[in-house]
Amino acid sequence: MAGSSLGTIYRITSWGETHGKGVGVVVDGCPAGLSLSEEDIQVYLDRRKPGQSRFTTKRKEGDQVEILSGVFEGRTTGTPISLVVYNKDQKSKDYSEIANVYRPGHADYTFDRKYGFRDYRGGGRSSGRETIARTAAGAIAAKVLKEMGIEVYAYTRSIGPVTVDPDLFDPSIRDQNALYMPDEKAAREAEAYLDQKIKEMDSSGGVVECIISGMPVGVGEPVFDKLSSSLGKAILSIGAVKGFEIGDGFAAAQSVGSVNNDAFVMTCGSSESVNKEASEITEESEDSANKEADERKAGHVVKKTNHAGGILGGMSDGSDIIFRAAFKPTPSIARKQETVTRDGENAEIEIHGRHDPIIVPRAVVVVETMAAVTLLDLLLVNMSSRLDRVKEFYHKNE
């Protein structure tokens, strides 16, 4: 199966099925010397594991991660890091009744047509359980980003008709409710809405928003490997995502240039920081570094607004990167639905088993970690974009 790997330097390869022995990931390109433990990764996996509330599947999995390689005496070695989470609570018999029937909204039909067979036990590779691999790999990337002062924060922006009120937005309370909403009032309203959907044997969709702060200017490539397109590919590869937008997104189509353009202004510079930077430069890079320091004496460039969402020309512009991902309703619902069998006969289906009435809360950390994977990879690629900085790096490390 092609398409299970992502990244250029920080490269991840996902493997495993929802009802197989386990799921996991191989991470290549992680710099050596990062302090890393299973606990560092487990914190992220705990945010997506099942059975945490009445709004998630009742499958009981601890999702305990094991590091099989790439870490020695608590630090990464620079070699491939292999991670595994063993499946403990498979109930494949729950899916035996649908072995010959295509579930509406699932990948059953397309998977069958592509490969000539399908793993009907919960979807196999197409299951949401595959996101364990992404989350584990992204947890490592997020830790590297924190070392660089870069923070990635995702949250549930909306569920069905309920949207977080910007005036009540409080990042600190995101993890204090089952829906990962940083707005207590919206969380209560969304819970009531989901309880109603459960009674109706239905499900709901929603939107996850992600805010990335601390990104340096100029990360991302200007053509095919734009930061925006790379983020889009990573986020849209999450199974239930049906829409993606950055900054004003689709609202920009109803805007005008005089409003949508973000004005540039200069901030006041700090002579102390400029002088410190100038004292640390090497002789070989003196000309270019002094030039940059001189430019910052009067301040640095910032934007008055952020309609662009932190990305201009495919590259980070120094302001917060803001994007949103729209998730479809969970396709597995208990209502009777029309479908066809593998033999081409019309049929009806009622899906039993353990399913989330909404995907969004458990997907918040998946969005966060997939963004981290993308950012770290492009940051590493970006290190070779300027000759003076390559020369400075090797001169300092002679």
Protein backbone atom coordinates (compact mmCIF):
# COMPACT_ATOMS: atom_id res chain seq x y z
CA MET A 1 0.00 0.00 0.00
CA ALA A 2 1.46 3.32 -1.07
CA GLY A 3 0.79 6.60 0.72
CA SER A 4 1.51 5.63 4.33
CA SER A 5 4.49 7.99 4.68
CA LEU A 6 4.65 11.77 5.07
CA GLY A 7 7.50 14.25 5.24
CA THR A 8 10.88 14.98 3.64
CA ILE A 9 13.38 15.14 6.52
CA TYR A 10 11.12 14.52 9.50
CA ARG A 11 9.39 11.56 7.88
CA ILE A 12 6.72 9.37 9.45
CA THR A 13 5.42 5.99 8.27
CA SER A 14 2.15 4.73 9.76
CA TRP A 15 1.25 1.03 9.98
CA GLY A 16 -1.37 -1.30 11.48
CA GLU A 17 -5.12 -1.91 11.50
CA THR A 18 -7.85 -1.21 14.01
CA HIS A 19 -8.48 -4.91 14.73
CA GLY A 20 -4.98 -6.21 14.06
CA LYS A 21 -2.35 -6.84 16.73
CA GLY A 22 -1.54 -3.16 16.98
CA VAL A 23 -0.89 0.15 15.29
CA GLY A 24 2.31 2.13 15.18
CA VAL A 25 4.65 4.49 13.40
CA VAL A 26 8.28 4.78 12.40
CA VAL A 27 9.71 8.29 12.74
CA ASP A 28 12.85 9.11 10.79
CA GLY A 29 14.76 12.38 10.84
CA CYS A 30 14.24 13.38 14.46
CA PRO A 31 17.36 15.24 15.61
CA ALA A 32 19.57 13.46 18.12
CA GLY A 33 19.71 14.70 21.70
CA LEU A 34 16.01 15.32 22.35
CA SER A 35 14.96 14.21 25.82
CA LEU A 36 12.16 11.74 25.14
CA SER A 37 10.19 9.21 27.16
CA GLU A 38 7.06 7.15 26.64
CA GLU A 39 5.32 9.50 29.08
CA ASP A 40 5.97 12.45 26.76
CA ILE A 41 4.05 10.67 24.01
CA GLN A 42 1.40 9.17 26.27
CA VAL A 43 0.13 12.61 27.27
CA TYR A 44 -0.99 13.17 23.69
CA LEU A 45 -2.36 9.66 23.17
CA ASP A 46 -4.48 9.99 26.30
CA ARG A 47 -6.25 12.95 24.71
CA ARG A 48 -7.47 10.85 21.78
CA LYS A 49 -8.06 7.45 23.38
CA PRO A 50 -11.61 6.00 23.45
CA GLY A 51 -13.94 5.60 26.41
CA GLN A 52 -13.34 9.01 28.00
CA SER A 53 -16.95 10.26 27.96
CA ARG A 54 -20.44 9.43 26.73
CA PHE A 55 -19.52 11.15 23.48
CA THR A 56 -16.81 8.65 22.52
CA THR A 57 -16.78 4.99 21.57
CA LYS A 58 -17.00 2.58 24.51
CA ARG A 59 -14.06 0.57 23.24
CA LYS A 60 -11.79 0.19 26.26
CA GLU A 61 -8.21 0.79 25.19
CA GLY A 62 -5.39 2.15 27.32
CA ASP A 63 -3.46 3.02 24.16
CA GLN A 64 -0.17 2.56 26.00
CA VAL A 65 2.75 3.39 23.75
CA GLU A 66 6.05 1.53 23.68
CA ILE A 67 9.27 2.93 22.23
CA LEU A 68 11.03 0.11 20.39
CA SER A 69 14.02 1.97 18.96
CA GLY A 70 15.72 5.31 18.47
CA VAL A 71 16.02 6.33 22.14
CA PHE A 72 18.98 5.56 24.41
CA GLU A 73 19.35 6.68 28.02
CA GLY A 74 16.37 8.98 27.64
CA ARG A 75 17.51 10.81 24.53
CA THR A 76 16.91 10.39 20.82
CA THR A 77 19.85 8.93 18.92
CA GLY A 78 19.11 10.34 15.47
CA THR A 79 18.15 6.88 14.20
CA PRO A 80 14.57 5.80 13.33
CA ILE A 81 12.19 5.87 16.28
CA SER A 82 9.73 2.97 16.21
CA LEU A 83 6.56 3.25 18.30
CA VAL A 84 3.80 0.69 18.87
CA VAL A 85 0.42 0.62 20.60
CA TYR A 86 -1.02 -2.88 20.96
CA ASN A 87 -4.76 -3.40 20.48
CA LYS A 88 -6.35 -4.95 23.57
CA ASP A 89 -10.13 -4.71 23.12
CA GLN A 90 -10.89 -5.87 19.60
CA LYS A 91 -14.41 -7.20 19.05
CA SER A 92 -14.30 -8.20 15.42
CA LYS A 93 -17.55 -10.18 15.74
CA ASP A 94 -19.35 -6.82 16.04
CA TYR A 95 -18.62 -6.34 12.35
CA SER A 96 -19.36 -9.84 11.01
CA GLU A 97 -22.86 -8.80 9.90
CA ILE A 98 -21.45 -6.15 7.56
CA ALA A 99 -18.79 -8.31 5.94
CA ASN A 100 -20.75 -8.35 2.68
CA VAL A 101 -22.40 -4.94 2.93
CA TYR A 102 -21.03 -1.48 2.15
CA ARG A 103 -21.58 0.98 5.00
CA PRO A 104 -22.76 4.44 3.86
CA GLY A 105 -20.19 7.15 4.52
CA HIS A 106 -17.32 4.67 4.96
CA ALA A 107 -14.45 3.57 2.73
CA ASP A 108 -15.84 0.02 2.32
CA TYR A 109 -16.88 0.40 -1.32
CA THR A 110 -13.83 2.34 -2.52
CA PHE A 111 -11.37 0.11 -0.63
CA ASP A 112 -13.01 -3.00 -2.10
CA ARG A 113 -12.89 -1.63 -5.65
CA LYS A 114 -9.26 -0.56 -5.31
CA TYR A 115 -7.78 -3.70 -3.73
CA GLY A 116 -10.33 -6.42 -4.54
CA PHE A 117 -10.99 -7.10 -0.86
CA ARG A 118 -11.44 -5.18 2.37
CA ASP A 119 -10.85 -5.61 6.07
CA TYR A 120 -14.41 -5.18 7.35
CA ARG A 121 -13.38 -5.29 11.02
CA GLY A 122 -13.95 -1.62 11.73
CA GLY A 123 -12.41 -0.42 8.51
CA GLY A 124 -8.88 -1.79 8.82
CA ARG A 125 -6.41 0.86 7.63
CA SER A 126 -9.27 3.28 6.99
CA SER A 127 -10.27 3.29 10.65
CA GLY A 128 -9.87 6.33 12.87
CA ARG A 129 -7.65 4.17 15.07
CA GLU A 130 -4.88 4.74 12.54
CA THR A 131 -4.58 8.27 13.95
CA ILE A 132 -2.72 6.78 16.92
CA ALA A 133 0.35 6.67 14.67
CA ARG A 134 -0.01 10.32 13.68
CA THR A 135 -0.55 11.42 17.25
CA ALA A 136 2.49 9.57 18.55
CA ALA A 137 4.75 10.92 15.81
CA GLY A 138 3.35 14.41 16.28
CA ALA A 139 3.94 14.30 20.02
CA ILE A 140 7.67 13.99 19.33
CA ALA A 141 7.53 16.81 16.77
CA ALA A 142 5.64 19.02 19.24
CA LYS A 143 8.36 18.52 21.83
CA VAL A 144 11.03 19.60 19.35
CA LEU A 145 8.94 22.66 18.46
CA LYS A 146 8.64 23.61 22.15
CA GLU A 147 12.43 23.58 22.36
CA MET A 148 12.30 26.26 19.64
CA GLY A 149 9.61 28.33 21.33
CA ILE A 150 6.83 27.23 18.96
CA GLU A 151 3.45 26.28 20.40
CA VAL A 152 0.61 24.44 18.63
CA TYR A 153 -2.84 24.76 20.21
CA ALA A 154 -5.95 23.17 18.70
CA TYR A 155 -9.49 23.17 20.07
CA THR A 156 -13.08 22.40 19.14
CA ARG A 157 -14.43 25.58 17.54
CA SER A 158 -17.91 24.31 16.77
CA ILE A 159 -20.16 21.27 17.07
CA GLY A 160 -23.24 21.27 14.91
CA PRO A 161 -24.89 24.70 15.37
CA VAL A 162 -22.89 25.58 18.52
CA THR A 163 -19.79 27.76 18.08
CA VAL A 164 -17.27 29.06 20.62
CA ASP A 165 -17.87 32.72 21.49
CA PRO A 166 -14.63 34.71 20.95
CA ASP A 167 -15.54 36.90 23.93
CA LEU A 168 -15.70 33.83 26.20
CA PHE A 169 -12.62 32.13 24.75
CA ASP A 170 -10.37 30.77 27.53
CA PRO A 171 -7.57 28.40 26.42
CA SER A 172 -7.02 27.19 29.98
CA ILE A 173 -10.41 25.46 30.19
CA ARG A 174 -10.17 23.49 26.95
CA ASP A 175 -9.18 20.30 28.75
CA GLN A 176 -11.80 20.72 31.47
CA ASN A 177 -14.73 19.45 29.38
CA ALA A 178 -15.28 16.34 27.28
CA LEU A 179 -15.58 18.30 24.03
CA TYR A 180 -12.30 20.26 24.29
CA MET A 181 -14.09 23.60 23.89
CA PRO A 182 -12.43 26.68 25.47
CA ASP A 183 -15.83 28.17 26.26
CA GLU A 184 -17.86 26.72 29.16
CA LYS A 185 -21.20 27.99 27.88
CA ALA A 186 -20.66 26.60 24.37
CA ALA A 187 -19.51 23.28 25.83
CA ARG A 188 -22.74 22.91 27.82
CA GLU A 189 -24.87 23.78 24.78
CA ALA A 190 -22.93 21.38 22.57
CA GLU A 191 -23.32 18.56 25.11
CA ALA A 192 -27.09 19.07 25.14
CA TYR A 193 -27.13 19.05 21.34
CA LEU A 194 -25.13 15.80 21.19
CA ASP A 195 -27.35 14.14 23.80
CA GLN A 196 -30.28 14.87 21.49
CA LYS A 197 -28.44 13.37 18.49
CA ILE A 198 -27.73 10.23 20.51
CA LYS A 199 -31.43 9.88 21.34
CA GLU A 200 -32.20 10.27 17.65
CA MET A 201 -29.58 7.58 16.81
CA ASP A 202 -27.72 10.17 14.78
CA SER A 203 -24.33 11.91 14.81
CA SER A 204 -22.83 15.37 14.35
CA GLY A 205 -19.98 17.11 12.62
CA GLY A 206 -17.90 20.06 13.76
CA VAL A 207 -14.87 22.28 13.25
CA VAL A 208 -11.41 22.18 14.85
CA GLU A 209 -9.34 25.36 14.86
CA CYS A 210 -5.58 25.41 15.35
CA ILE A 211 -3.41 28.35 16.41
CA ILE A 212 0.37 28.16 15.97
CA SER A 213 2.49 30.80 17.69
CA GLY A 214 6.22 31.48 17.60
CA MET A 215 6.91 30.45 14.00
CA PRO A 216 9.85 32.30 12.44
CA VAL A 217 9.36 34.16 9.17
CA GLY A 218 10.03 32.41 5.86
CA VAL A 219 9.25 28.74 6.60
CA GLY A 220 7.67 26.96 3.65
CA GLU A 221 8.45 26.89 -0.05
CA PRO A 222 7.00 29.32 -2.61
CA VAL A 223 5.65 26.79 -5.13
CA PHE A 224 4.48 23.21 -4.51
CA ASP A 225 5.67 22.78 -0.93
CA LYS A 226 3.97 25.88 0.44
CA LEU A 227 3.40 25.86 4.20
CA SER A 228 -0.29 26.26 3.45
CA SER A 229 -0.45 23.38 0.98
CA SER A 230 1.67 21.15 3.23
CA LEU A 231 -0.63 21.82 6.16
CA GLY A 232 -3.61 21.20 3.90
CA LYS A 233 -2.27 17.84 2.77
CA ALA A 234 -1.53 16.76 6.35
CA ILE A 235 -4.87 17.84 7.77
CA LEU A 236 -6.97 16.63 4.83
CA SER A 237 -5.31 13.22 5.17
CA ILE A 238 -7.18 12.78 8.46
CA GLY A 239 -10.02 10.47 7.47
CA ALA A 240 -13.09 12.52 8.41
CA VAL A 241 -11.86 15.97 7.31
CA LYS A 242 -13.95 17.42 4.48
CA GLY A 243 -12.83 21.05 4.51
CA PHE A 244 -9.73 23.13 5.27
CA GLU A 245 -9.14 26.88 5.41
CA ILE A 246 -6.42 29.27 6.56
CA GLY A 247 -6.98 32.73 8.02
CA ASP A 248 -10.21 34.19 6.68
CA GLY A 249 -10.48 31.14 4.41
CA PHE A 250 -13.65 31.01 2.36
CA ALA A 251 -14.80 34.32 3.85
CA ALA A 252 -12.04 35.99 1.82
CA ALA A 253 -14.08 35.27 -1.30
CA GLN A 254 -16.68 37.79 -0.10
CA SER A 255 -14.08 40.35 0.98
CA VAL A 256 -12.23 43.13 -0.91
CA GLY A 257 -8.54 43.83 -1.20
CA SER A 258 -8.61 46.95 0.93
CA VAL A 259 -9.98 44.86 3.80
CA ASN A 260 -8.33 41.50 3.19
CA ASN A 261 -4.79 42.88 2.83
CA ASP A 262 -2.89 42.93 6.13
CA ALA A 263 -1.09 46.28 6.57
CA PHE A 264 2.57 46.15 7.60
CA VAL A 265 3.96 48.35 10.37
CA MET A 266 7.26 48.63 12.25
CA THR A 267 7.58 47.99 15.95
CA CYS A 268 10.13 49.63 18.20
CA GLY A 269 13.38 47.70 18.29
CA SER A 270 15.49 46.91 21.33
CA SER A 271 19.04 48.23 21.08
CA GLU A 272 20.11 45.81 23.81
CA SER A 273 18.95 42.74 21.86
CA VAL A 274 20.46 44.10 18.64
CA ASN A 275 23.84 44.71 20.26
CA LYS A 276 23.79 41.25 21.87
CA GLU A 277 23.07 39.65 18.51
CA ALA A 278 25.88 41.60 16.84
CA SER A 279 28.38 40.48 19.50
CA GLU A 280 27.58 36.81 18.88
CA ILE A 281 28.09 36.73 15.12
CA THR A 282 31.04 34.96 13.54
CA GLU A 283 33.58 36.77 11.41
CA GLU A 284 32.61 34.86 8.27
CA SER A 285 28.95 35.89 8.51
CA GLU A 286 29.68 39.38 9.85
CA ASP A 287 28.46 41.34 6.84
CA SER A 288 25.06 39.66 6.50
CA ALA A 289 24.42 39.48 10.24
CA ASN A 290 25.32 43.11 10.82
CA LYS A 291 23.05 44.11 7.97
CA GLU A 292 20.12 42.26 9.54
CA ALA A 293 20.91 43.76 12.95
CA ASP A 294 20.97 47.25 11.47
CA GLU A 295 17.57 46.67 9.87
CA ARG A 296 16.13 45.79 13.27
CA LYS A 297 17.44 48.81 15.11
CA ALA A 298 14.30 50.69 14.11
CA GLY A 299 12.09 47.73 14.98
CA HIS A 300 10.77 44.75 13.06
CA VAL A 301 7.96 44.14 10.63
CA VAL A 302 4.55 43.07 11.96
CA LYS A 303 1.02 43.03 10.55
CA LYS A 304 -1.81 45.12 11.95
CA THR A 305 -4.33 42.36 11.12
CA ASN A 306 -4.09 38.69 10.27
CA HIS A 307 -6.60 37.93 7.54
CA ALA A 308 -3.89 35.81 5.85
CA GLY A 309 -3.70 33.48 8.83
CA GLY A 310 0.06 33.82 9.22
CA ILE A 311 1.04 32.66 5.73
CA LEU A 312 1.97 34.82 2.73
CA GLY A 313 3.19 33.37 -0.58
CA GLY A 314 3.27 29.93 0.98
CA MET A 315 5.68 31.03 3.73
CA SER A 316 5.16 31.90 7.39
CA ASP A 317 5.00 35.68 7.95
CA GLY A 318 5.76 35.80 11.68
CA SER A 319 2.22 36.20 12.95
CA ASP A 320 0.08 33.42 14.40
CA ILE A 321 -0.80 30.69 11.90
CA ILE A 322 -4.52 30.00 12.14
CA PHE A 323 -6.38 27.28 10.26
CA ARG A 324 -9.60 25.31 10.58
CA ALA A 325 -10.62 21.77 9.66
CA ALA A 326 -14.23 20.73 9.08
CA PHE A 327 -15.11 17.19 10.20
CA LYS A 328 -18.08 15.29 8.85
CA PRO A 329 -20.57 13.54 11.17
CA THR A 330 -19.60 10.06 12.30
CA PRO A 331 -20.82 7.74 9.51
CA SER A 332 -21.57 4.81 11.83
CA ILE A 333 -25.09 5.47 13.12
CA ALA A 334 -27.73 3.10 14.48
CA ARG A 335 -30.45 4.35 12.14
CA LYS A 336 -31.56 2.14 9.27
CA GLN A 337 -29.84 3.19 6.02
CA GLU A 338 -30.01 2.16 2.39
CA THR A 339 -27.01 0.45 0.84
CA VAL A 340 -25.96 -2.42 -1.44
CA THR A 341 -24.20 -5.73 -0.89
CA ARG A 342 -20.89 -6.76 -2.37
CA ASP A 343 -22.91 -8.90 -4.79
CA GLY A 344 -24.79 -5.87 -6.10
CA GLU A 345 -28.09 -6.37 -4.28
CA ASN A 346 -30.04 -3.52 -2.69
CA ALA A 347 -30.14 -3.80 1.09
CA GLU A 348 -30.72 -1.97 4.35
CA ILE A 349 -28.27 -1.75 7.22
CA GLU A 350 -28.31 -0.90 10.91
CA ILE A 351 -24.79 -0.45 12.27
CA HIS A 352 -24.14 -1.94 15.69
CA GLY A 353 -21.00 -1.89 17.79
CA ARG A 354 -19.09 0.88 19.58
CA HIS A 355 -18.95 4.21 17.79
CA ASP A 356 -18.42 7.91 18.56
CA PRO A 357 -21.53 10.10 18.10
CA ILE A 358 -19.03 12.80 17.10
CA ILE A 359 -15.44 12.59 15.89
CA VAL A 360 -14.33 16.13 16.67
CA PRO A 361 -13.25 15.99 20.36
CA ARG A 362 -10.85 13.10 19.84
CA ALA A 363 -9.64 14.67 16.58
CA VAL A 364 -8.44 17.87 18.26
CA VAL A 365 -5.12 16.33 19.29
CA VAL A 366 -4.77 14.66 15.87
CA VAL A 367 -5.02 18.05 14.16
CA GLU A 368 -2.54 19.49 16.64
CA THR A 369 0.02 16.74 16.13
CA MET A 370 -0.31 16.58 12.35
CA ALA A 371 0.37 20.32 12.27
CA ALA A 372 3.45 19.73 14.43
CA VAL A 373 4.76 17.05 12.05
CA THR A 374 4.36 19.41 9.10
CA LEU A 375 5.96 22.40 10.82
CA LEU A 376 9.00 20.48 12.04
CA ASP A 377 9.63 18.94 8.64
CA LEU A 378 9.49 22.31 6.87
CA LEU A 379 11.67 23.93 9.54
CA LEU A 380 14.34 21.30 8.94
CA VAL A 381 14.07 21.70 5.16
CA ASN A 382 14.30 25.48 5.59
CA MET A 383 17.73 25.24 7.21
CA SER A 384 19.33 24.89 3.77
CA SER A 385 17.56 27.84 2.14
CA ARG A 386 20.40 30.38 2.56
CA LEU A 387 24.11 29.89 1.92
CA ASP A 388 25.23 32.37 4.57
CA ARG A 389 23.37 30.43 7.26
CA VAL A 390 24.74 27.08 6.08
CA LYS A 391 28.26 28.52 6.20
CA GLU A 392 27.61 30.02 9.64
CA PHE A 393 26.35 26.70 11.01
CA TYR A 394 29.40 24.73 9.87
CA HIS A 395 31.81 27.46 10.87
CA LYS A 396 30.40 27.48 14.40
CA ASN A 397 30.66 23.70 14.63
CA GLU A 398 34.24 23.25 13.36
